[in-house]
Structure formats: C-alpha cells, structure tokens
PDB file of all heavy atoms in Angstrom:
ATOM      1  N   ASN A   1      -0.765  -2.497 -11.906  1.00  0.00           N
ATOM      2  CA  ASN A   1       0.507  -1.938 -11.460  1.00  0.00           C
ATOM      3  C   ASN A   1       0.358  -1.218 -10.127  1.00  0.00           C
ATOM      4  O   ASN A   1       1.282  -1.221  -9.304  1.00  0.00           O
ATOM      5  CB  ASN A   1       1.067  -0.997 -12.527  1.00  0.00           C
ATOM      6  CG  ASN A   1       1.548  -1.743 -13.750  1.00  0.00           C
ATOM      7  OD1 ASN A   1       2.047  -2.859 -13.653  1.00  0.00           O
ATOM      8  ND2 ASN A   1       1.397  -1.132 -14.923  1.00  0.00           N
ATOM      9  N   GLN A   2      -0.783  -0.602  -9.903  1.00  0.00           N
ATOM     10  CA  GLN A   2      -1.047   0.025  -8.608  1.00  0.00           C
ATOM     11  C   GLN A   2      -1.186  -1.035  -7.511  1.00  0.00           C
ATOM     12  O   GLN A   2      -0.749  -0.834  -6.377  1.00  0.00           O
ATOM     13  CB  GLN A   2      -2.324   0.869  -8.681  1.00  0.00           C
ATOM     14  CG  GLN A   2      -2.222   2.065  -9.615  1.00  0.00           C
ATOM     15  CD  GLN A   2      -1.240   3.122  -9.116  1.00  0.00           C
ATOM     16  OE1 GLN A   2      -0.958   3.220  -7.915  1.00  0.00           O
ATOM     17  NE2 GLN A   2      -0.718   3.912 -10.035  1.00  0.00           N
ATOM     18  N   LEU A   3      -1.769  -2.171  -7.866  1.00  0.00           N
ATOM     19  CA  LEU A   3      -1.928  -3.242  -6.881  1.00  0.00           C
ATOM     20  C   LEU A   3      -0.577  -3.834  -6.480  1.00  0.00           C
ATOM     21  O   LEU A   3      -0.398  -4.269  -5.345  1.00  0.00           O
ATOM     22  CB  LEU A   3      -2.858  -4.325  -7.428  1.00  0.00           C
ATOM     23  CG  LEU A   3      -4.277  -3.860  -7.751  1.00  0.00           C
ATOM     24  CD1 LEU A   3      -5.140  -5.038  -8.163  1.00  0.00           C
ATOM     25  CD2 LEU A   3      -4.906  -3.144  -6.567  1.00  0.00           C
ATOM     26  N   LEU A   4       0.356  -3.856  -7.418  1.00  0.00           N
ATOM     27  CA  LEU A   4       1.720  -4.280  -7.072  1.00  0.00           C
ATOM     28  C   LEU A   4       2.310  -3.385  -5.992  1.00  0.00           C
ATOM     29  O   LEU A   4       2.945  -3.870  -5.047  1.00  0.00           O
ATOM     30  CB  LEU A   4       2.620  -4.211  -8.301  1.00  0.00           C
ATOM     31  CG  LEU A   4       2.686  -5.388  -9.250  1.00  0.00           C
ATOM     32  CD1 LEU A   4       3.667  -5.077 -10.368  1.00  0.00           C
ATOM     33  CD2 LEU A   4       3.101  -6.663  -8.538  1.00  0.00           C
ATOM     34  N   ILE A   5       2.114  -2.085  -6.150  1.00  0.00           N
ATOM     35  CA  ILE A   5       2.647  -1.134  -5.169  1.00  0.00           C
ATOM     36  C   ILE A   5       2.049  -1.395  -3.793  1.00  0.00           C
ATOM     37  O   ILE A   5       2.762  -1.407  -2.779  1.00  0.00           O
ATOM     38  CB  ILE A   5       2.373   0.309  -5.634  1.00  0.00           C
ATOM     39  CG1 ILE A   5       3.174   0.605  -6.908  1.00  0.00           C
ATOM     40  CG2 ILE A   5       2.721   1.311  -4.525  1.00  0.00           C
ATOM     41  CD1 ILE A   5       2.824   1.927  -7.560  1.00  0.00           C
ATOM     42  N   ALA A   6       0.732  -1.622  -3.746  1.00  0.00           N
ATOM     43  CA  ALA A   6       0.082  -1.920  -2.468  1.00  0.00           C
ATOM     44  C   ALA A   6       0.618  -3.222  -1.886  1.00  0.00           C
ATOM     45  O   ALA A   6       0.898  -3.305  -0.680  1.00  0.00           O
ATOM     46  CB  ALA A   6      -1.427  -2.004  -2.657  1.00  0.00           C
ATOM     47  N   LEU A   7       0.769  -4.232  -2.719  1.00  0.00           N
ATOM     48  CA  LEU A   7       1.276  -5.528  -2.265  1.00  0.00           C
ATOM     49  C   LEU A   7       2.660  -5.389  -1.646  1.00  0.00           C
ATOM     50  O   LEU A   7       2.956  -5.979  -0.598  1.00  0.00           O
ATOM     51  CB  LEU A   7       1.321  -6.491  -3.460  1.00  0.00           C
ATOM     52  CG  LEU A   7       1.554  -7.969  -3.169  1.00  0.00           C
ATOM     53  CD1 LEU A   7       0.370  -8.562  -2.405  1.00  0.00           C
ATOM     54  CD2 LEU A   7       1.774  -8.726  -4.476  1.00  0.00           C
ATOM     55  N   ILE A   8       3.508  -4.595  -2.271  1.00  0.00           N
ATOM     56  CA  ILE A   8       4.864  -4.380  -1.757  1.00  0.00           C
ATOM     57  C   ILE A   8       4.822  -3.601  -0.447  1.00  0.00           C
ATOM     58  O   ILE A   8       5.562  -3.903   0.496  1.00  0.00           O
ATOM     59  CB  ILE A   8       5.716  -3.657  -2.816  1.00  0.00           C
ATOM     60  CG1 ILE A   8       5.936  -4.581  -4.028  1.00  0.00           C
ATOM     61  CG2 ILE A   8       7.057  -3.215  -2.240  1.00  0.00           C
ATOM     62  CD1 ILE A   8       6.444  -3.865  -5.265  1.00  0.00           C
ATOM     63  N   CYS A   9       3.955  -2.609  -0.370  1.00  0.00           N
ATOM     64  CA  CYS A   9       3.829  -1.833   0.876  1.00  0.00           C
ATOM     65  C   CYS A   9       3.420  -2.721   2.042  1.00  0.00           C
ATOM     66  O   CYS A   9       3.969  -2.594   3.156  1.00  0.00           O
ATOM     67  CB  CYS A   9       2.802  -0.719   0.700  1.00  0.00           C
ATOM     68  SG  CYS A   9       3.363   0.677  -0.306  1.00  0.00           S
ATOM     69  N   TYR A  10       2.481  -3.627   1.824  1.00  0.00           N
ATOM     70  CA  TYR A  10       2.060  -4.535   2.894  1.00  0.00           C
ATOM     71  C   TYR A  10       3.221  -5.439   3.311  1.00  0.00           C
ATOM     72  O   TYR A  10       3.375  -5.758   4.492  1.00  0.00           O
ATOM     73  CB  TYR A  10       0.872  -5.372   2.442  1.00  0.00           C
ATOM     74  CG  TYR A  10      -0.398  -4.585   2.248  1.00  0.00           C
ATOM     75  CD1 TYR A  10      -1.224  -4.820   1.147  1.00  0.00           C
ATOM     76  CD2 TYR A  10      -0.785  -3.601   3.159  1.00  0.00           C
ATOM     77  CE1 TYR A  10      -2.395  -4.099   0.964  1.00  0.00           C
ATOM     78  CE2 TYR A  10      -1.943  -2.877   2.975  1.00  0.00           C
ATOM     79  CZ  TYR A  10      -2.755  -3.126   1.877  1.00  0.00           C
ATOM     80  OH  TYR A  10      -3.912  -2.406   1.700  1.00  0.00           O
ATOM     81  N   GLY A  11       4.030  -5.850   2.347  1.00  0.00           N
ATOM     82  CA  GLY A  11       5.208  -6.646   2.673  1.00  0.00           C
ATOM     83  C   GLY A  11       6.199  -5.875   3.522  1.00  0.00           C
ATOM     84  O   GLY A  11       6.791  -6.420   4.454  1.00  0.00           O
ATOM     85  N   ARG A  12       6.378  -4.601   3.220  1.00  0.00           N
ATOM     86  CA  ARG A  12       7.282  -3.753   4.017  1.00  0.00           C
ATOM     87  C   ARG A  12       6.783  -3.655   5.462  1.00  0.00           C
ATOM     88  O   ARG A  12       7.572  -3.693   6.409  1.00  0.00           O
ATOM     89  CB  ARG A  12       7.324  -2.347   3.426  1.00  0.00           C
ATOM     90  CG  ARG A  12       7.831  -2.247   2.009  1.00  0.00           C
ATOM     91  CD  ARG A  12       9.316  -2.322   1.896  1.00  0.00           C
ATOM     92  NE  ARG A  12       9.766  -1.831   0.601  1.00  0.00           N
ATOM     93  CZ  ARG A  12      10.991  -1.973   0.142  1.00  0.00           C
ATOM     94  NH1 ARG A  12      11.912  -2.599   0.861  1.00  0.00           N
ATOM     95  NH2 ARG A  12      11.331  -1.500  -1.033  1.00  0.00           N
ATOM     96  N   MET A  13       5.478  -3.536   5.617  1.00  0.00           N
ATOM     97  CA  MET A  13       4.915  -3.374   6.962  1.00  0.00           C
ATOM     98  C   MET A  13       5.101  -4.618   7.813  1.00  0.00           C
ATOM     99  O   MET A  13       5.174  -4.525   9.037  1.00  0.00           O
ATOM    100  CB  MET A  13       3.433  -3.015   6.870  1.00  0.00           C
ATOM    101  CG  MET A  13       3.190  -1.572   6.490  1.00  0.00           C
ATOM    102  SD  MET A  13       1.443  -1.077   6.674  1.00  0.00           S
ATOM    103  CE  MET A  13       0.721  -1.870   5.244  1.00  0.00           C
ATOM    104  N   GLU A  14       5.179  -5.782   7.182  1.00  0.00           N
ATOM    105  CA  GLU A  14       5.368  -7.024   7.935  1.00  0.00           C
ATOM    106  C   GLU A  14       6.659  -7.010   8.749  1.00  0.00           C
ATOM    107  O   GLU A  14       6.751  -7.653   9.786  1.00  0.00           O
ATOM    108  CB  GLU A  14       5.390  -8.219   6.988  1.00  0.00           C
ATOM    109  CG  GLU A  14       4.031  -8.697   6.542  1.00  0.00           C
ATOM    110  CD  GLU A  14       4.108 -10.022   5.810  1.00  0.00           C
ATOM    111  OE1 GLU A  14       5.244 -10.511   5.581  1.00  0.00           O
ATOM    112  OE2 GLU A  14       3.050 -10.572   5.473  1.00  0.00           O
ATOM    113  N   ILE A  15       7.657  -6.291   8.269  1.00  0.00           N
ATOM    114  CA  ILE A  15       8.969  -6.305   8.925  1.00  0.00           C
ATOM    115  C   ILE A  15       8.909  -5.625  10.288  1.00  0.00           C
ATOM    116  O   ILE A  15       9.465  -6.126  11.264  1.00  0.00           O
ATOM    117  CB  ILE A  15      10.018  -5.634   8.013  1.00  0.00           C
ATOM    118  CG1 ILE A  15      10.188  -6.474   6.736  1.00  0.00           C
ATOM    119  CG2 ILE A  15      11.359  -5.476   8.736  1.00  0.00           C
ATOM    120  CD1 ILE A  15      11.073  -5.840   5.685  1.00  0.00           C
ATOM    121  N   ASN A  16       8.219  -4.495  10.353  1.00  0.00           N
ATOM    122  CA  ASN A  16       8.093  -3.784  11.626  1.00  0.00           C
ATOM    123  C   ASN A  16       6.790  -2.974  11.596  1.00  0.00           C
ATOM    124  O   ASN A  16       6.814  -1.768  11.336  1.00  0.00           O
ATOM    125  CB  ASN A  16       9.305  -2.864  11.847  1.00  0.00           C
ATOM    126  CG  ASN A  16       9.386  -2.373  13.281  1.00  0.00           C
ATOM    127  OD1 ASN A  16       8.375  -2.194  13.938  1.00  0.00           O
ATOM    128  ND2 ASN A  16      10.593  -2.146  13.765  1.00  0.00           N
ATOM    129  N   PRO A  17       5.658  -3.621  11.844  1.00  0.00           N
ATOM    130  CA  PRO A  17       4.363  -2.956  11.695  1.00  0.00           C
ATOM    131  C   PRO A  17       4.214  -1.680  12.508  1.00  0.00           C
ATOM    132  O   PRO A  17       3.673  -0.688  12.013  1.00  0.00           O
ATOM    133  CB  PRO A  17       3.370  -4.024  12.169  1.00  0.00           C
ATOM    134  CG  PRO A  17       4.079  -5.314  12.005  1.00  0.00           C
ATOM    135  CD  PRO A  17       5.521  -5.025  12.254  1.00  0.00           C
ATOM    136  N   MET A  18       4.693  -1.682  13.730  1.00  0.00           N
ATOM    137  CA  MET A  18       4.502  -0.532  14.604  1.00  0.00           C
ATOM    138  C   MET A  18       5.143   0.727  14.033  1.00  0.00           C
ATOM    139  O   MET A  18       4.572   1.824  14.083  1.00  0.00           O
ATOM    140  CB  MET A  18       5.065  -0.824  15.998  1.00  0.00           C
ATOM    141  CG  MET A  18       4.841   0.295  17.004  1.00  0.00           C
ATOM    142  SD  MET A  18       5.384  -0.156  18.674  1.00  0.00           S
ATOM    143  CE  MET A  18       4.244  -1.494  19.044  1.00  0.00           C
ATOM    144  N   PHE A  19       6.344   0.588  13.466  1.00  0.00           N
ATOM    145  CA  PHE A  19       7.065   1.752  12.973  1.00  0.00           C
ATOM    146  C   PHE A  19       6.830   2.018  11.490  1.00  0.00           C
ATOM    147  O   PHE A  19       6.942   3.159  11.044  1.00  0.00           O
ATOM    148  CB  PHE A  19       8.573   1.583  13.230  1.00  0.00           C
ATOM    149  CG  PHE A  19       8.941   1.660  14.681  1.00  0.00           C
ATOM    150  CD1 PHE A  19       9.156   0.507  15.416  1.00  0.00           C
ATOM    151  CD2 PHE A  19       9.049   2.877  15.330  1.00  0.00           C
ATOM    152  CE1 PHE A  19       9.479   0.564  16.773  1.00  0.00           C
ATOM    153  CE2 PHE A  19       9.368   2.953  16.683  1.00  0.00           C
ATOM    154  CZ  PHE A  19       9.583   1.795  17.399  1.00  0.00           C
ATOM    155  N   ARG A  20       6.494   0.985  10.736  1.00  0.00           N
ATOM    156  CA  ARG A  20       6.376   1.161   9.288  1.00  0.00           C
ATOM    157  C   ARG A  20       4.955   1.457   8.823  1.00  0.00           C
ATOM    158  O   ARG A  20       4.770   1.947   7.707  1.00  0.00           O
ATOM    159  CB  ARG A  20       6.912  -0.073   8.566  1.00  0.00           C
ATOM    160  CG  ARG A  20       8.419  -0.224   8.702  1.00  0.00           C
ATOM    161  CD  ARG A  20       8.948  -1.262   7.741  1.00  0.00           C
ATOM    162  NE  ARG A  20      10.401  -1.246   7.685  1.00  0.00           N
ATOM    163  CZ  ARG A  20      11.111  -1.867   6.764  1.00  0.00           C
ATOM    164  NH1 ARG A  20      10.511  -2.572   5.823  1.00  0.00           N
ATOM    165  NH2 ARG A  20      12.432  -1.794   6.767  1.00  0.00           N
ATOM    166  N   ALA A  21       3.987   1.158   9.632  1.00  0.00           N
ATOM    167  CA  ALA A  21       2.592   1.338   9.204  1.00  0.00           C
ATOM    168  C   ALA A  21       2.291   2.792   8.842  1.00  0.00           C
ATOM    169  O   ALA A  21       1.550   3.057   7.890  1.00  0.00           O
ATOM    170  CB  ALA A  21       1.644   0.853  10.285  1.00  0.00           C
ATOM    171  N   THR A  22       2.842   3.736   9.601  1.00  0.00           N
ATOM    172  CA  THR A  22       2.553   5.151   9.345  1.00  0.00           C
ATOM    173  C   THR A  22       3.076   5.599   7.983  1.00  0.00           C
ATOM    174  O   THR A  22       2.544   6.542   7.394  1.00  0.00           O
ATOM    175  CB  THR A  22       3.157   6.041  10.439  1.00  0.00           C
ATOM    176  OG1 THR A  22       4.573   5.762  10.557  1.00  0.00           O
ATOM    177  CG2 THR A  22       2.493   5.791  11.779  1.00  0.00           C
ATOM    178  N   THR A  23       4.100   4.909   7.475  1.00  0.00           N
ATOM    179  CA  THR A  23       4.655   5.248   6.164  1.00  0.00           C
ATOM    180  C   THR A  23       3.975   4.476   5.049  1.00  0.00           C
ATOM    181  O   THR A  23       3.530   5.045   4.040  1.00  0.00           O
ATOM    182  CB  THR A  23       6.170   4.964   6.127  1.00  0.00           C
ATOM    183  OG1 THR A  23       6.821   5.781   7.095  1.00  0.00           O
ATOM    184  CG2 THR A  23       6.742   5.245   4.748  1.00  0.00           C
ATOM    185  N   TYR A  24       3.857   3.169   5.238  1.00  0.00           N
ATOM    186  CA  TYR A  24       3.454   2.316   4.123  1.00  0.00           C
ATOM    187  C   TYR A  24       1.946   2.083   4.017  1.00  0.00           C
ATOM    188  O   TYR A  24       1.445   1.798   2.927  1.00  0.00           O
ATOM    189  CB  TYR A  24       4.197   0.981   4.195  1.00  0.00           C
ATOM    190  CG  TYR A  24       5.658   1.137   3.858  1.00  0.00           C
ATOM    191  CD1 TYR A  24       6.637   1.054   4.847  1.00  0.00           C
ATOM    192  CD2 TYR A  24       6.063   1.394   2.549  1.00  0.00           C
ATOM    193  CE1 TYR A  24       7.978   1.217   4.543  1.00  0.00           C
ATOM    194  CE2 TYR A  24       7.397   1.558   2.241  1.00  0.00           C
ATOM    195  CZ  TYR A  24       8.351   1.469   3.238  1.00  0.00           C
ATOM    196  OH  TYR A  24       9.674   1.641   2.922  1.00  0.00           O
ATOM    197  N   PHE A  25       1.226   2.207   5.121  1.00  0.00           N
ATOM    198  CA  PHE A  25      -0.217   2.019   5.037  1.00  0.00           C
ATOM    199  C   PHE A  25      -0.876   3.102   4.192  1.00  0.00           C
ATOM    200  O   PHE A  25      -1.698   2.786   3.317  1.00  0.00           O
ATOM    201  CB  PHE A  25      -0.837   1.955   6.434  1.00  0.00           C
ATOM    202  CG  PHE A  25      -2.240   1.427   6.442  1.00  0.00           C
ATOM    203  CD1 PHE A  25      -2.494   0.076   6.260  1.00  0.00           C
ATOM    204  CD2 PHE A  25      -3.317   2.278   6.614  1.00  0.00           C
ATOM    205  CE1 PHE A  25      -3.797  -0.413   6.250  1.00  0.00           C
ATOM    206  CE2 PHE A  25      -4.613   1.806   6.607  1.00  0.00           C
ATOM    207  CZ  PHE A  25      -4.852   0.446   6.419  1.00  0.00           C
ATOM    208  N   PRO A  26      -0.535   4.382   4.390  1.00  0.00           N
ATOM    209  CA  PRO A  26      -1.105   5.414   3.508  1.00  0.00           C
ATOM    210  C   PRO A  26      -0.708   5.220   2.043  1.00  0.00           C
ATOM    211  O   PRO A  26      -1.515   5.485   1.140  1.00  0.00           O
ATOM    212  CB  PRO A  26      -0.530   6.718   4.062  1.00  0.00           C
ATOM    213  CG  PRO A  26      -0.207   6.422   5.485  1.00  0.00           C
ATOM    214  CD  PRO A  26       0.249   4.992   5.490  1.00  0.00           C
ATOM    215  N   LYS A  27       0.521   4.759   1.796  1.00  0.00           N
ATOM    216  CA  LYS A  27       0.953   4.516   0.417  1.00  0.00           C
ATOM    217  C   LYS A  27       0.141   3.389  -0.216  1.00  0.00           C
ATOM    218  O   LYS A  27      -0.251   3.473  -1.386  1.00  0.00           O
ATOM    219  CB  LYS A  27       2.446   4.175   0.384  1.00  0.00           C
ATOM    220  CG  LYS A  27       3.371   5.350   0.657  1.00  0.00           C
ATOM    221  CD  LYS A  27       4.832   4.938   0.513  1.00  0.00           C
ATOM    222  CE  LYS A  27       5.759   6.114   0.726  1.00  0.00           C
ATOM    223  NZ  LYS A  27       7.188   5.724   0.569  1.00  0.00           N
ATOM    224  N   ALA A  28      -0.101   2.340   0.562  1.00  0.00           N
ATOM    225  CA  ALA A  28      -0.903   1.227   0.057  1.00  0.00           C
ATOM    226  C   ALA A  28      -2.325   1.691  -0.237  1.00  0.00           C
ATOM    227  O   ALA A  28      -2.900   1.359  -1.292  1.00  0.00           O
ATOM    228  CB  ALA A  28      -0.912   0.088   1.074  1.00  0.00           C
ATOM    229  N   ASN A  29      -2.914   2.462   0.678  1.00  0.00           N
ATOM    230  CA  ASN A  29      -4.278   2.964   0.466  1.00  0.00           C
ATOM    231  C   ASN A  29      -4.370   3.852  -0.769  1.00  0.00           C
ATOM    232  O   ASN A  29      -5.337   3.772  -1.538  1.00  0.00           O
ATOM    233  CB  ASN A  29      -4.751   3.744   1.695  1.00  0.00           C
ATOM    234  CG  ASN A  29      -5.222   2.836   2.809  1.00  0.00           C
ATOM    235  OD1 ASN A  29      -5.468   1.653   2.596  1.00  0.00           O
ATOM    236  ND2 ASN A  29      -5.354   3.381   4.003  1.00  0.00           N
ATOM    237  N   ALA A  30      -3.357   4.695  -0.953  1.00  0.00           N
ATOM    238  CA  ALA A  30      -3.345   5.586  -2.116  1.00  0.00           C
ATOM    239  C   ALA A  30      -3.274   4.776  -3.411  1.00  0.00           C
ATOM    240  O   ALA A  30      -3.938   5.113  -4.404  1.00  0.00           O
ATOM    241  CB  ALA A  30      -2.169   6.548  -2.021  1.00  0.00           C
ATOM    242  N   ALA A  31      -2.483   3.705  -3.396  1.00  0.00           N
ATOM    243  CA  ALA A  31      -2.372   2.851  -4.578  1.00  0.00           C
ATOM    244  C   ALA A  31      -3.703   2.153  -4.870  1.00  0.00           C
ATOM    245  O   ALA A  31      -4.124   2.047  -6.032  1.00  0.00           O
ATOM    246  CB  ALA A  31      -1.257   1.833  -4.382  1.00  0.00           C
ATOM    247  N   LEU A  32      -4.390   1.678  -3.829  1.00  0.00           N
ATOM    248  CA  LEU A  32      -5.689   1.032  -4.020  1.00  0.00           C
ATOM    249  C   LEU A  32      -6.724   2.020  -4.557  1.00  0.00           C
ATOM    250  O   LEU A  32      -7.532   1.668  -5.433  1.00  0.00           O
ATOM    251  CB  LEU A  32      -6.179   0.425  -2.709  1.00  0.00           C
ATOM    252  CG  LEU A  32      -5.384  -0.769  -2.157  1.00  0.00           C
ATOM    253  CD1 LEU A  32      -6.020  -1.268  -0.858  1.00  0.00           C
ATOM    254  CD2 LEU A  32      -5.318  -1.900  -3.173  1.00  0.00           C
ATOM    255  N   GLU A  33      -6.701   3.237  -4.055  1.00  0.00           N
ATOM    256  CA  GLU A  33      -7.645   4.250  -4.536  1.00  0.00           C
ATOM    257  C   GLU A  33      -7.381   4.592  -5.999  1.00  0.00           C
ATOM    258  O   GLU A  33      -8.312   4.778  -6.784  1.00  0.00           O
ATOM    259  CB  GLU A  33      -7.573   5.508  -3.667  1.00  0.00           C
ATOM    260  CG  GLU A  33      -8.128   5.320  -2.265  1.00  0.00           C
ATOM    261  CD  GLU A  33      -9.572   4.842  -2.273  1.00  0.00           C
ATOM    262  OE1 GLU A  33     -10.389   5.398  -3.046  1.00  0.00           O
ATOM    263  OE2 GLU A  33      -9.886   3.889  -1.527  1.00  0.00           O
ATOM    264  N   LYS A  34      -6.106   4.666  -6.369  1.00  0.00           N
ATOM    265  CA  LYS A  34      -5.762   4.939  -7.762  1.00  0.00           C
ATOM    266  C   LYS A  34      -6.211   3.775  -8.655  1.00  0.00           C
ATOM    267  O   LYS A  34      -6.724   3.987  -9.764  1.00  0.00           O
ATOM    268  CB  LYS A  34      -4.257   5.156  -7.887  1.00  0.00           C
ATOM    269  CG  LYS A  34      -3.791   5.457  -9.309  1.00  0.00           C
ATOM    270  CD  LYS A  34      -4.434   6.732  -9.853  1.00  0.00           C
ATOM    271  CE  LYS A  34      -3.933   7.066 -11.233  1.00  0.00           C
ATOM    272  NZ  LYS A  34      -4.576   8.296 -11.792  1.00  0.00           N
ATOM    273  N   ALA A  35      -6.038   2.551  -8.159  1.00  0.00           N
ATOM    274  CA  ALA A  35      -6.491   1.376  -8.914  1.00  0.00           C
ATOM    275  C   ALA A  35      -8.001   1.422  -9.132  1.00  0.00           C
ATOM    276  O   ALA A  35      -8.486   1.065 -10.207  1.00  0.00           O
ATOM    277  CB  ALA A  35      -6.090   0.094  -8.179  1.00  0.00           C
ATOM    278  N   LYS A  36      -8.751   1.881  -8.123  1.00  0.00           N
ATOM    279  CA  LYS A  36     -10.204   2.003  -8.261  1.00  0.00           C
ATOM    280  C   LYS A  36     -10.573   3.019  -9.340  1.00  0.00           C
ATOM    281  O   LYS A  36     -11.537   2.830 -10.086  1.00  0.00           O
ATOM    282  CB  LYS A  36     -10.836   2.414  -6.931  1.00  0.00           C
ATOM    283  CG  LYS A  36     -10.873   1.320  -5.884  1.00  0.00           C
ATOM    284  CD  LYS A  36     -11.502   1.836  -4.605  1.00  0.00           C
ATOM    285  CE  LYS A  36     -11.437   0.792  -3.495  1.00  0.00           C
ATOM    286  NZ  LYS A  36     -12.016   1.282  -2.223  1.00  0.00           N
ATOM    287  N   GLU A  37      -9.808   4.092  -9.418  1.00  0.00           N
ATOM    288  CA  GLU A  37     -10.058   5.089 -10.460  1.00  0.00           C
ATOM    289  C   GLU A  37      -9.844   4.500 -11.846  1.00  0.00           C
ATOM    290  O   GLU A  37     -10.589   4.789 -12.787  1.00  0.00           O
ATOM    291  CB  GLU A  37      -9.123   6.293 -10.272  1.00  0.00           C
ATOM    292  CG  GLU A  37      -9.392   7.133  -9.042  1.00  0.00           C
ATOM    293  CD  GLU A  37      -8.374   8.255  -8.896  1.00  0.00           C
ATOM    294  OE1 GLU A  37      -7.674   8.558  -9.900  1.00  0.00           O
ATOM    295  OE2 GLU A  37      -8.256   8.817  -7.798  1.00  0.00           O
ATOM    296  N   LEU A  38      -8.815   3.666 -11.960  1.00  0.00           N
ATOM    297  CA  LEU A  38      -8.456   3.096 -13.262  1.00  0.00           C
ATOM    298  C   LEU A  38      -9.379   1.952 -13.665  1.00  0.00           C
ATOM    299  O   LEU A  38      -9.736   1.814 -14.833  1.00  0.00           O
ATOM    300  CB  LEU A  38      -7.005   2.601 -13.225  1.00  0.00           C
ATOM    301  CG  LEU A  38      -5.931   3.672 -13.050  1.00  0.00           C
ATOM    302  CD1 LEU A  38      -4.573   3.025 -12.788  1.00  0.00           C
ATOM    303  CD2 LEU A  38      -5.859   4.570 -14.283  1.00  0.00           C
ATOM    304  N   ASN A  39      -9.776   1.135 -12.690  1.00  0.00           N
ATOM    305  CA  ASN A  39     -10.613  -0.030 -12.993  1.00  0.00           C
ATOM    306  C   ASN A  39     -11.359  -0.468 -11.740  1.00  0.00           C
ATOM    307  O   ASN A  39     -10.913  -1.365 -11.028  1.00  0.00           O
ATOM    308  CB  ASN A  39      -9.766  -1.181 -13.530  1.00  0.00           C
ATOM    309  CG  ASN A  39     -10.611  -2.368 -13.969  1.00  0.00           C
ATOM    310  OD1 ASN A  39     -11.839  -2.316 -13.961  1.00  0.00           O
ATOM    311  ND2 ASN A  39      -9.951  -3.453 -14.351  1.00  0.00           N
ATOM    312  N   PRO A  40     -12.491   0.151 -11.455  1.00  0.00           N
ATOM    313  CA  PRO A  40     -13.219  -0.159 -10.206  1.00  0.00           C
ATOM    314  C   PRO A  40     -13.739  -1.588 -10.140  1.00  0.00           C
ATOM    315  O   PRO A  40     -14.106  -2.059  -9.069  1.00  0.00           O
ATOM    316  CB  PRO A  40     -14.368   0.844 -10.199  1.00  0.00           C
ATOM    317  CG  PRO A  40     -14.538   1.250 -11.627  1.00  0.00           C
ATOM    318  CD  PRO A  40     -13.162   1.206 -12.230  1.00  0.00           C
TER     319      PRO A  40
END
C-alpha cells in the first residue's frame, strides 16, 4: 500500500516535474521508507 502511494506520486510529477517534484518527491521517498520498515 505504501508502494501504491509512491507510484501515484511519481505519476503526479510527470505532469509538471519542475513544480511538482518539491511536493511529490519527498512524499514518494517517505512512502518507500515506510515500506522498508514494513517489509525490507
């Protein structure tokens, strides 16, 4: 479920990477880190 969140965040960034990366890249990273905690 955390990986879904990251996948969606990367999709959001595709629309306008320059402006959206600052919002969605940290969210994607946080989701990946949480996924590692749950199942490395």
